[in-house]
Amino acid sequence: MKRYITFISCLLLIVFVCCKPKKEVAAATSVDYSDSIFLIIDKSPCFGACPTYKMIIYNNGYATMRASKNVPQVGNFNRRFSPQEIEQLSKKIEEIRFFDLKDEYNDTLIMDLPFTTIAAHRRGAVKSILCRFEIPDPLNNFVMSFDTLIGSPVWKLMKSPFGDD
């Protein structure tokens, strides 16, 4: 009989614990994270000495770069762009009419050309351009300006969380 009462007590305890109303979890406010990225520049390798890196610049000025070939230093880096530098980049994007340019400048018959993919985010809109051949001068100059940025001493080497430093 004692076992029976213990069994019933345990069973009731389990039922009460499991059926206890859950606390309401506050609904998370919807955040649009897609607008947090400002600019992405991804340069591919070629058969020669082309710099190969991927740089991501966020609206708040934080930037990361993974530099892999033909660059002053190889590795994962970060830095902070000032609000003025972000504003200058934004003005340059408007000046070259980035969002009005074609999505691709390419010739698939030419093999030994690296490509650069550059994507800009503006007020929820994203524009990505593949740059490989016959790139308009204003766009090409804008893209090439990032090659000079990769050698800047303001980039700080980061330790990779994946141990692939």
Protein backbone atom coordinates (compact mmCIF):
# COMPACT_ATOMS: atom_id res chain seq x y z
CA MET A 1 0.00 0.00 0.00
CA LYS A 2 2.86 2.34 0.86
CA ARG A 3 4.39 1.69 -2.55
CA TYR A 4 1.09 2.41 -4.20
CA ILE A 5 0.78 5.80 -2.44
CA THR A 6 4.40 6.65 -3.31
CA PHE A 7 3.76 5.73 -6.94
CA ILE A 8 0.60 7.82 -7.12
CA SER A 9 2.37 10.75 -5.40
CA CYS A 10 5.23 10.63 -7.91
CA LEU A 11 2.78 10.38 -10.78
CA LEU A 12 0.81 13.39 -9.52
CA LEU A 13 4.02 15.35 -9.01
CA ILE A 14 5.07 14.64 -12.60
CA VAL A 15 1.63 15.64 -13.90
CA PHE A 16 1.66 18.93 -11.94
CA VAL A 17 5.20 19.81 -13.02
CA CYS A 18 4.59 18.95 -16.67
CA CYS A 19 1.20 20.63 -16.84
CA LYS A 20 2.30 23.78 -15.06
CA PRO A 21 1.56 26.75 -17.31
CA LYS A 22 4.67 28.02 -19.01
CA LYS A 23 5.72 31.62 -18.51
CA GLU A 24 5.00 33.83 -21.45
CA VAL A 25 8.17 34.58 -23.34
CA ALA A 26 8.33 38.13 -24.53
CA ALA A 27 8.02 38.26 -28.27
CA ALA A 28 11.28 39.40 -29.82
CA THR A 29 11.03 42.54 -31.81
CA SER A 30 11.69 42.06 -35.48
CA VAL A 31 15.12 43.31 -36.50
CA ASP A 32 16.20 43.66 -40.11
CA TYR A 33 19.79 42.42 -39.99
CA SER A 34 20.22 42.58 -43.77
CA ASP A 35 20.68 46.34 -43.52
CA SER A 36 23.60 46.00 -41.10
CA ILE A 37 26.01 45.21 -43.93
CA PHE A 38 27.08 48.27 -45.87
CA LEU A 39 29.52 46.91 -48.46
CA ILE A 40 31.11 43.59 -49.46
CA ILE A 41 34.14 43.33 -51.74
CA ASP A 42 35.20 39.83 -52.77
CA LYS A 43 38.27 39.52 -55.04
CA SER A 44 39.06 36.16 -56.59
CA PRO A 45 42.49 34.73 -57.44
CA CYS A 46 43.97 34.67 -60.93
CA PHE A 47 46.90 32.84 -62.55
CA GLY A 48 49.18 35.79 -61.68
CA ALA A 49 49.71 38.01 -58.65
CA CYS A 50 46.20 39.35 -58.09
CA PRO A 51 45.30 40.26 -54.50
CA THR A 52 42.71 37.84 -53.13
CA TYR A 53 40.55 38.95 -50.22
CA LYS A 54 37.03 39.41 -48.95
CA MET A 55 36.16 42.56 -47.06
CA ILE A 56 32.86 43.22 -45.29
CA ILE A 57 32.09 46.71 -44.04
CA TYR A 58 29.12 47.26 -41.74
CA ASN A 59 27.01 50.40 -41.34
CA ASN A 60 28.46 51.01 -37.88
CA GLY A 61 31.99 51.14 -39.35
CA TYR A 62 33.15 47.72 -38.17
CA ALA A 63 34.92 45.80 -40.95
CA THR A 64 36.38 42.36 -41.37
CA MET A 65 38.75 41.08 -44.02
CA ARG A 66 40.00 37.64 -44.92
CA ALA A 67 43.17 38.19 -46.96
CA SER A 68 44.49 35.03 -48.61
CA LYS A 69 46.88 35.65 -51.53
CA ASN A 70 49.14 38.36 -52.90
CA VAL A 71 48.39 40.74 -50.08
CA PRO A 72 50.73 42.44 -47.56
CA GLN A 73 49.57 40.05 -44.81
CA VAL A 74 47.55 36.85 -44.98
CA GLY A 75 44.92 36.15 -42.34
CA ASN A 76 41.72 37.41 -40.77
CA PHE A 77 41.66 41.09 -39.86
CA ASN A 78 39.30 43.68 -38.48
CA ARG A 79 39.20 47.43 -38.16
CA ARG A 80 36.83 50.31 -37.54
CA PHE A 81 35.96 52.85 -40.24
CA SER A 82 35.05 56.27 -38.89
CA PRO A 83 31.58 57.69 -39.58
CA GLN A 84 33.27 60.15 -41.95
CA GLU A 85 34.90 57.30 -43.89
CA ILE A 86 31.55 55.49 -44.16
CA GLU A 87 29.97 58.74 -45.37
CA GLN A 88 32.74 59.17 -47.98
CA LEU A 89 32.19 55.62 -49.24
CA SER A 90 28.46 56.24 -49.35
CA LYS A 91 28.94 59.44 -51.35
CA LYS A 92 31.29 57.64 -53.74
CA ILE A 93 28.66 54.92 -54.29
CA GLU A 94 26.12 57.63 -55.15
CA GLU A 95 28.65 59.53 -57.30
CA ILE A 96 29.41 56.54 -59.52
CA ARG A 97 25.68 55.72 -59.63
CA PHE A 98 26.43 52.22 -58.36
CA PHE A 99 22.77 51.20 -58.12
CA ASP A 100 22.20 52.15 -61.78
CA LEU A 101 25.13 50.12 -63.16
CA LYS A 102 24.77 46.74 -64.88
CA ASP A 103 24.88 43.62 -62.70
CA GLU A 104 27.78 42.12 -64.64
CA TYR A 105 30.84 43.24 -66.59
CA ASN A 106 32.27 40.03 -67.98
CA ASP A 107 33.53 38.13 -71.01
CA THR A 108 33.44 34.38 -70.46
CA LEU A 109 35.85 33.78 -73.37
CA ILE A 110 38.72 35.39 -71.46
CA MET A 111 40.10 32.99 -68.88
CA ASP A 112 42.93 34.64 -66.90
CA LEU A 113 41.03 37.49 -65.37
CA PRO A 114 40.14 37.64 -61.72
CA PHE A 115 36.69 38.74 -60.81
CA THR A 116 35.54 41.08 -58.13
CA THR A 117 32.07 40.92 -56.71
CA ILE A 118 31.01 44.08 -54.96
CA ALA A 119 27.69 44.38 -53.17
CA ALA A 120 26.28 47.51 -51.60
CA HIS A 121 23.28 47.81 -49.28
CA ARG A 122 21.17 50.96 -49.24
CA ARG A 123 17.87 51.46 -47.41
CA GLY A 124 16.99 47.76 -47.65
CA ALA A 125 18.03 47.44 -51.30
CA VAL A 126 21.01 45.30 -52.27
CA LYS A 127 22.96 45.68 -55.51
CA SER A 128 25.67 43.21 -56.47
CA ILE A 129 27.99 43.65 -59.45
CA LEU A 130 30.37 41.11 -60.95
CA CYS A 131 33.39 43.00 -62.26
CA ARG A 132 35.69 41.12 -64.61
CA PHE A 133 35.99 42.72 -68.06
CA GLU A 134 35.40 46.17 -69.55
CA ILE A 135 34.51 47.68 -66.22
CA PRO A 136 33.53 51.36 -66.40
CA ASP A 137 36.38 53.55 -65.12
CA PRO A 138 34.50 55.09 -62.17
CA LEU A 139 33.52 51.61 -60.90
CA ASN A 140 36.99 50.18 -61.56
CA ASN A 141 38.65 53.05 -59.67
CA PHE A 142 36.26 52.50 -56.76
CA VAL A 143 37.05 48.78 -56.67
CA MET A 144 40.81 49.39 -56.97
CA SER A 145 40.71 51.82 -54.05
CA PHE A 146 40.08 48.84 -51.76
CA ASP A 147 43.35 47.23 -52.89
CA THR A 148 45.18 50.15 -51.25
CA LEU A 149 43.09 49.76 -48.07
CA ILE A 150 44.23 46.18 -47.49
CA GLY A 151 47.80 47.30 -46.80
CA SER A 152 46.77 49.88 -44.21
CA PRO A 153 48.27 49.38 -40.73
CA VAL A 154 44.87 49.99 -39.10
CA TRP A 155 43.84 46.39 -39.85
CA LYS A 156 44.29 44.26 -36.72
CA LEU A 157 45.02 40.54 -37.02
CA MET A 158 42.24 38.44 -35.47
CA LYS A 159 42.44 34.95 -34.05
CA SER A 160 40.09 32.63 -35.86
CA PRO A 161 37.50 30.90 -33.66
CA PHE A 162 37.98 27.83 -35.88
CA GLY A 163 41.72 27.50 -35.29
CA ASP A 164 42.59 28.05 -38.94
CA ASP A 165 44.84 31.08 -38.38
